């Protein structure tokens, strides 16, 4: 449904709180399926859609990883903040060449289907902020400012750095450099760049290693054997570390970042396996269940990175855990 029929299953529901009141309707993940969405997706793919295009960012990733390791070495109790800062640093440097502050905690709340009563009863958006039970209206100004800042502030920074001749290469500077950019094109740049924000898998990895220290020890043994102890691993070593690679896949499989994905919306009536599904239906993929189906994965409630090794590895969870079709 979501992959082979993606042309009719790739719309998003309009979340009243997130899209209308807060103003996240520009965010690529929440944007309605349209020609504008397709144009932004093409722009996104051009910059980070291939393995070769991603390779240009390896130095940024490795630099930030080293900074991350120094932070948790000096302050191990604050590893959660170190993870958030590192993820934000990579994304902001890739998109804007910009050092981070804070990013996307609000979005994880807003994108949950029916997280706010106003998403169920959109008419509630008209009640005043002082009305009993209207807490959602009282947080709108602060969250709306955050939604605006995440687009506007970094782009202003890039323009300022470019005017001074000190801008580092980034997604935004690449498209702004040497040409007149129309307001529509600038909006597309801001939208695509800000839409690169994401996160969650890093924290899950650390928590999983606490639960399964034997897997951590096995991965460390492989790193020690291949890398030694006189340097840090790099992405160039990945093919020589099959267990570490399998361990990362197992984390994606065992606890997907978005267990229910983002909701899709059907754009026209459909009949699937004999079921009539009317236009406008919200379709939610239970990614966690897909990845824990005993018909696909052996012993699906057991954490076992070895499932992705050997001559017949199990299905790569990365084909499911980041969404479907054109989304």
Protein backbone atom coordinates (compact mmCIF):
# COMPACT_ATOMS: atom_id res chain seq x y z
CA UNK A 1 0.00 0.00 0.00
CA UNK A 2 2.59 2.56 1.08
CA UNK A 3 5.32 1.48 -1.34
CA UNK A 4 3.78 0.06 -4.52
CA UNK A 5 0.80 2.46 -4.36
CA UNK A 6 2.83 5.41 -3.09
CA UNK A 7 1.28 7.88 -5.57
CA UNK A 8 -2.03 7.71 -3.69
CA UNK A 9 -0.76 6.84 -0.19
CA UNK A 10 1.92 9.55 0.21
CA UNK A 11 -0.17 12.44 1.48
CA UNK A 12 -0.05 13.53 5.13
CA UNK A 13 -3.02 14.35 7.36
CA UNK A 14 -3.17 18.00 8.34
CA UNK A 15 -2.52 18.02 12.09
CA UNK A 16 -4.38 21.03 13.47
CA UNK A 17 -1.98 21.70 16.33
CA UNK A 18 1.27 21.10 14.46
CA UNK A 19 0.38 22.52 11.05
CA UNK A 20 -2.28 25.19 11.55
CA UNK A 21 -1.58 26.60 15.01
CA UNK A 22 2.18 26.08 15.40
CA UNK A 23 3.13 26.45 11.75
CA UNK A 24 5.03 23.22 11.01
CA UNK A 25 3.19 22.77 7.69
CA UNK A 26 6.40 23.75 5.84
CA UNK A 27 8.30 20.79 7.37
CA UNK A 28 8.99 18.20 4.65
CA UNK A 29 7.93 15.31 6.88
CA UNK A 30 4.50 16.89 7.46
CA UNK A 31 4.05 18.60 4.09
CA UNK A 32 1.02 17.60 2.06
CA UNK A 33 1.75 15.62 -1.12
CA UNK A 34 1.89 18.14 -3.97
CA UNK A 35 4.09 19.43 -6.77
CA UNK A 36 5.81 21.68 -4.21
CA UNK A 37 6.59 18.61 -2.09
CA UNK A 38 8.02 16.82 -5.14
CA UNK A 39 10.23 19.80 -6.01
CA UNK A 40 11.58 19.94 -2.46
CA UNK A 41 12.17 16.20 -2.44
CA UNK A 42 14.17 16.48 -5.68
CA UNK A 43 16.27 19.23 -4.10
CA UNK A 44 16.80 17.06 -1.02
CA UNK A 45 17.80 14.06 -3.14
CA UNK A 46 20.23 16.12 -5.22
CA UNK A 47 22.21 17.09 -2.12
CA UNK A 48 22.08 14.01 0.10
CA UNK A 49 20.29 11.34 -1.94
CA UNK A 50 23.21 9.21 -3.09
CA UNK A 51 26.13 7.42 -1.46
CA UNK A 52 28.64 9.62 -3.32
CA UNK A 53 26.91 12.84 -2.22
CA UNK A 54 26.91 11.67 1.40
CA UNK A 55 30.65 10.97 1.35
CA UNK A 56 31.44 14.69 1.25
CA UNK A 57 30.11 14.96 4.80
CA UNK A 58 32.28 12.23 6.31
CA UNK A 59 34.88 14.73 7.67
CA UNK A 60 32.09 16.67 9.42
CA UNK A 61 30.67 13.50 10.99
CA UNK A 62 34.05 12.23 12.16
CA UNK A 63 35.03 15.63 13.60
CA UNK A 64 31.79 15.84 15.59
CA UNK A 65 32.14 12.25 16.81
CA UNK A 66 35.58 13.09 18.23
CA UNK A 67 34.11 16.16 19.95
CA UNK A 68 31.32 13.97 21.31
CA UNK A 69 33.78 11.46 22.77
CA UNK A 70 35.67 14.27 24.51
CA UNK A 71 32.42 15.56 26.03
CA UNK A 72 31.35 12.23 27.50
CA UNK A 73 34.90 11.53 28.68
CA UNK A 74 34.90 14.81 30.61
CA UNK A 75 31.26 14.59 31.73
CA UNK A 76 29.92 11.01 31.41
CA UNK A 77 26.76 11.72 33.40
CA UNK A 78 25.55 14.17 30.74
CA UNK A 79 25.75 11.81 27.77
CA UNK A 80 22.13 12.51 26.76
CA UNK A 81 22.85 16.19 26.15
CA UNK A 82 26.10 15.25 24.38
CA UNK A 83 24.16 13.01 21.99
CA UNK A 84 21.61 15.73 21.21
CA UNK A 85 24.33 18.30 20.65
CA UNK A 86 26.30 16.01 18.34
CA UNK A 87 23.28 15.07 16.20
CA UNK A 88 22.34 18.73 15.94
CA UNK A 89 25.91 19.74 15.13
CA UNK A 90 26.20 17.33 12.21
CA UNK A 91 22.86 18.38 10.75
CA UNK A 92 23.41 22.12 11.14
CA UNK A 93 26.94 22.01 9.76
CA UNK A 94 25.81 19.99 6.75
CA UNK A 95 22.87 22.27 6.02
CA UNK A 96 24.13 25.67 7.15
CA UNK A 97 27.74 25.38 8.30
CA UNK A 98 26.28 26.54 11.62
CA UNK A 99 27.04 25.53 15.24
CA UNK A 100 23.94 24.21 17.08
CA UNK A 101 21.97 25.25 20.13
CA UNK A 102 18.71 23.25 20.53
CA UNK A 103 16.51 21.45 18.03
CA UNK A 104 13.44 19.24 17.76
CA UNK A 105 11.89 18.01 21.01
CA UNK A 106 8.53 19.60 20.19
CA UNK A 107 8.12 17.86 16.84
CA UNK A 108 8.21 14.38 18.38
CA UNK A 109 5.14 15.38 20.42
CA UNK A 110 3.31 17.20 17.63
CA UNK A 111 3.57 14.43 15.01
CA UNK A 112 1.93 11.79 17.20
CA UNK A 113 -1.57 11.20 15.81
CA UNK A 114 -4.18 12.93 17.96
CA UNK A 115 -1.60 14.07 20.50
CA UNK A 116 -3.82 17.08 21.18
CA UNK A 117 -7.61 17.14 21.47
CA UNK A 118 -7.69 19.90 18.85
CA UNK A 119 -6.38 17.33 16.33
CA UNK A 120 -9.52 15.25 16.98
CA UNK A 121 -11.88 18.25 17.12
CA UNK A 122 -10.35 21.01 14.95
CA UNK A 123 -13.14 23.41 15.90
CA UNK A 124 -11.40 23.79 19.28
CA UNK A 125 -8.73 25.93 17.58
CA UNK A 126 -11.20 28.85 17.83
CA UNK A 127 -11.50 28.84 21.63
CA UNK A 128 -9.52 31.52 23.54
CA UNK A 129 -6.30 30.68 25.37
CA UNK A 130 -7.83 31.46 28.78
CA UNK A 131 -10.55 28.84 28.33
CA UNK A 132 -10.31 25.93 30.84
CA UNK A 133 -8.49 22.98 29.26
CA UNK A 134 -7.02 25.12 26.46
CA UNK A 135 -3.41 24.66 27.49
CA UNK A 136 -2.58 23.84 23.87
CA UNK A 137 -3.48 27.43 22.92
CA UNK A 138 -1.20 28.84 25.63
CA UNK A 139 1.88 27.01 24.34
CA UNK A 140 1.24 27.97 20.71
CA UNK A 141 3.19 31.30 20.71
CA UNK A 142 6.40 29.78 22.12
CA UNK A 143 6.29 26.70 19.90
CA UNK A 144 5.38 28.74 16.80
CA UNK A 145 8.42 30.98 17.40
CA UNK A 146 10.60 27.87 17.57
CA UNK A 147 9.14 26.60 14.28
CA UNK A 148 9.95 29.95 12.65
CA UNK A 149 13.41 30.30 14.18
CA UNK A 150 14.53 26.88 13.00
CA UNK A 151 14.08 28.14 9.43
CA UNK A 152 15.03 31.80 9.70
CA UNK A 153 17.94 32.08 12.17
CA UNK A 154 20.42 29.65 10.52
CA UNK A 155 19.74 31.05 7.04
CA UNK A 156 20.42 34.60 8.24
CA UNK A 157 23.67 33.30 9.68
CA UNK A 158 24.69 31.80 6.31
CA UNK A 159 23.90 35.02 4.47
CA UNK A 160 25.91 37.02 7.00
CA UNK A 161 28.89 34.68 6.68
CA UNK A 162 28.69 34.79 2.88
CA UNK A 163 28.69 38.59 2.89
CA UNK A 164 31.88 38.47 4.98
CA UNK A 165 33.44 35.84 2.72
CA UNK A 166 33.80 33.37 5.59
CA UNK A 167 30.97 30.91 4.89
CA UNK A 168 31.91 27.23 4.97
CA UNK A 169 30.47 24.91 2.29
CA UNK A 170 26.95 23.77 3.15
CA UNK A 171 23.60 22.94 1.58
CA UNK A 172 22.37 26.52 1.97
CA UNK A 173 25.56 28.29 0.80
CA UNK A 174 25.78 26.03 -2.26
CA UNK A 175 22.37 27.14 -3.52
CA UNK A 176 22.74 30.78 -2.51
CA UNK A 177 26.18 31.27 -4.01
CA UNK A 178 26.61 33.18 -7.27
CA UNK A 179 22.99 33.60 -8.27
CA UNK A 180 19.85 35.58 -7.56
CA UNK A 181 17.51 33.48 -5.45
CA UNK A 182 13.79 34.16 -5.70
CA UNK A 183 11.66 34.25 -2.53
CA UNK A 184 10.10 30.92 -3.58
CA UNK A 185 13.53 29.32 -4.02
CA UNK A 186 14.67 30.70 -0.66
CA UNK A 187 11.61 29.18 0.99
CA UNK A 188 12.48 25.83 -0.59
CA UNK A 189 16.07 26.05 0.70
CA UNK A 190 14.89 26.84 4.24
CA UNK A 191 12.29 24.08 4.15
CA UNK A 192 14.58 21.34 2.86
CA UNK A 193 17.47 22.34 5.14
CA UNK A 194 15.34 22.50 8.28
CA UNK A 195 13.66 19.21 7.34
CA UNK A 196 16.97 17.38 7.79
CA UNK A 197 16.51 17.52 11.56
CA UNK A 198 15.97 14.11 13.09
CA UNK A 199 17.23 12.11 16.02
CA UNK A 200 16.69 9.36 18.54
CA UNK A 201 18.69 6.36 17.34
CA UNK A 202 21.83 7.54 19.13
CA UNK A 203 20.20 7.49 22.56
CA UNK A 204 18.54 4.13 21.85
CA UNK A 205 21.95 2.66 20.98
CA UNK A 206 23.46 3.71 24.33
CA UNK A 207 20.50 2.43 26.31
CA UNK A 208 20.59 -0.87 24.42
CA UNK A 209 24.28 -1.36 25.19
CA UNK A 210 23.45 -0.93 28.88
CA UNK A 211 20.93 -3.75 28.58
CA UNK A 212 23.18 -6.03 26.51
CA UNK A 213 26.79 -5.55 27.66
CA UNK A 214 27.82 -8.86 26.08
CA UNK A 215 27.01 -7.42 22.62
CA UNK A 216 28.96 -4.28 23.47
CA UNK A 217 31.95 -6.37 24.57
CA UNK A 218 31.87 -8.45 21.37
CA UNK A 219 31.80 -5.28 19.25
CA UNK A 220 34.68 -3.80 21.25
CA UNK A 221 36.71 -6.98 20.74
CA UNK A 222 36.21 -6.72 16.98
CA UNK A 223 37.24 -3.04 16.97
CA UNK A 224 40.35 -3.81 19.02
CA UNK A 225 41.32 -6.64 16.66
CA UNK A 226 40.83 -4.62 13.46
CA UNK A 227 41.69 -1.06 14.54
CA UNK A 228 44.02 -1.58 17.48
CA UNK A 229 44.19 0.97 20.30
CA UNK A 230 46.26 3.74 18.73
CA UNK A 231 43.46 5.42 16.74
CA UNK A 232 39.69 5.77 16.56
CA UNK A 233 37.59 3.86 14.02
CA UNK A 234 36.42 5.78 10.97
CA UNK A 235 33.67 5.22 8.42
CA UNK A 236 36.33 3.84 6.07
CA UNK A 237 36.68 0.88 8.48
CA UNK A 238 33.02 -0.09 8.29
CA UNK A 239 33.45 -2.97 5.81
CA UNK A 240 36.08 -4.49 8.11
CA UNK A 241 33.73 -4.45 11.12
CA UNK A 242 30.86 -6.82 10.22
CA UNK A 243 29.73 -7.41 13.81
CA UNK A 244 29.60 -3.68 14.57
CA UNK A 245 27.56 -3.16 11.39
CA UNK A 246 25.22 -5.99 12.40
CA UNK A 247 24.92 -4.50 15.88
CA UNK A 248 23.74 -1.17 14.44
CA UNK A 249 21.16 -2.99 12.30
CA UNK A 250 19.99 -4.91 15.36
CA UNK A 251 19.41 -1.65 17.24
CA UNK A 252 17.38 -0.30 14.32
CA UNK A 253 15.43 -3.57 14.28
CA UNK A 254 14.99 -4.04 18.01
CA UNK A 255 13.77 -0.53 18.86
CA UNK A 256 12.93 1.55 15.73
CA UNK A 257 13.04 5.30 16.24
CA UNK A 258 9.53 5.74 14.81
CA UNK A 259 7.67 2.55 15.79
CA UNK A 260 4.44 3.79 14.16
CA UNK A 261 6.03 5.91 11.40
CA UNK A 262 4.40 9.21 10.46
CA UNK A 263 0.77 8.84 9.45
CA UNK A 264 -0.03 8.68 5.72
CA UNK A 265 -3.29 9.90 4.17
CA UNK A 266 -5.04 8.22 1.25
CA UNK A 267 -5.59 10.65 -1.66
CA UNK A 268 -8.36 8.69 -3.44
CA UNK A 269 -10.59 5.68 -2.82
CA UNK A 270 -8.76 2.36 -2.95
CA UNK A 271 -9.60 -1.33 -2.78
CA UNK A 272 -6.82 -3.42 -1.25
CA UNK A 273 -7.09 -7.17 -0.69
CA UNK A 274 -10.85 -6.82 -0.98
CA UNK A 275 -11.12 -4.01 1.58
CA UNK A 276 -12.60 -0.67 0.50
CA UNK A 277 -10.54 2.22 1.92
CA UNK A 278 -12.08 5.67 1.35
CA UNK A 279 -10.20 8.80 0.35
CA UNK A 280 -8.90 10.74 3.36
CA UNK A 281 -8.28 7.65 5.49
CA UNK A 282 -5.31 7.98 7.84
CA UNK A 283 -2.98 5.00 7.35
CA UNK A 284 -0.46 4.19 10.09
CA UNK A 285 2.29 1.60 9.57
CA UNK A 286 3.14 -0.47 12.62
CA UNK A 287 6.87 -0.61 11.91
CA UNK A 288 7.64 -2.24 15.26
CA UNK A 289 5.31 -5.13 14.42
CA UNK A 290 6.80 -5.53 10.93
CA UNK A 291 10.24 -5.84 12.48
CA UNK A 292 9.07 -8.32 15.12
CA UNK A 293 7.03 -10.61 12.88
CA UNK A 294 8.11 -14.25 13.51
CA UNK A 295 7.31 -15.00 9.86
CA UNK A 296 10.17 -12.67 8.86
CA UNK A 297 12.57 -12.71 11.82
CA UNK A 298 13.53 -15.75 13.85
CA UNK A 299 13.02 -15.41 17.61
CA UNK A 300 11.89 -11.77 17.23
CA UNK A 301 11.84 -10.91 20.95
CA UNK A 302 15.54 -11.74 21.42
CA UNK A 303 18.32 -9.20 20.89
CA UNK A 304 20.76 -10.98 18.58
CA UNK A 305 23.02 -9.07 16.13
CA UNK A 306 24.21 -12.39 14.66
CA UNK A 307 20.91 -12.58 12.75
CA UNK A 308 22.42 -10.15 10.23
CA UNK A 309 25.63 -12.12 9.73
CA UNK A 310 26.47 -15.33 7.90
CA UNK A 311 25.60 -16.60 4.44
CA UNK A 312 21.85 -16.04 4.91
CA UNK A 313 21.36 -12.84 6.95
CA UNK A 314 17.84 -11.84 7.85
CA UNK A 315 16.07 -8.95 6.12
CA UNK A 316 17.79 -5.55 6.51
CA UNK A 317 15.59 -3.50 8.90
CA UNK A 318 16.69 -0.25 7.27
CA UNK A 319 14.29 -1.02 4.41
CA UNK A 320 11.40 -0.59 6.86
CA UNK A 321 12.43 1.50 9.83
CA UNK A 322 12.74 4.89 8.06
CA UNK A 323 9.42 4.97 6.25
CA UNK A 324 7.90 3.89 2.95
CA UNK A 325 7.43 4.89 -0.66
CA UNK A 326 7.84 8.58 -1.46
CA UNK A 327 7.95 9.46 2.26
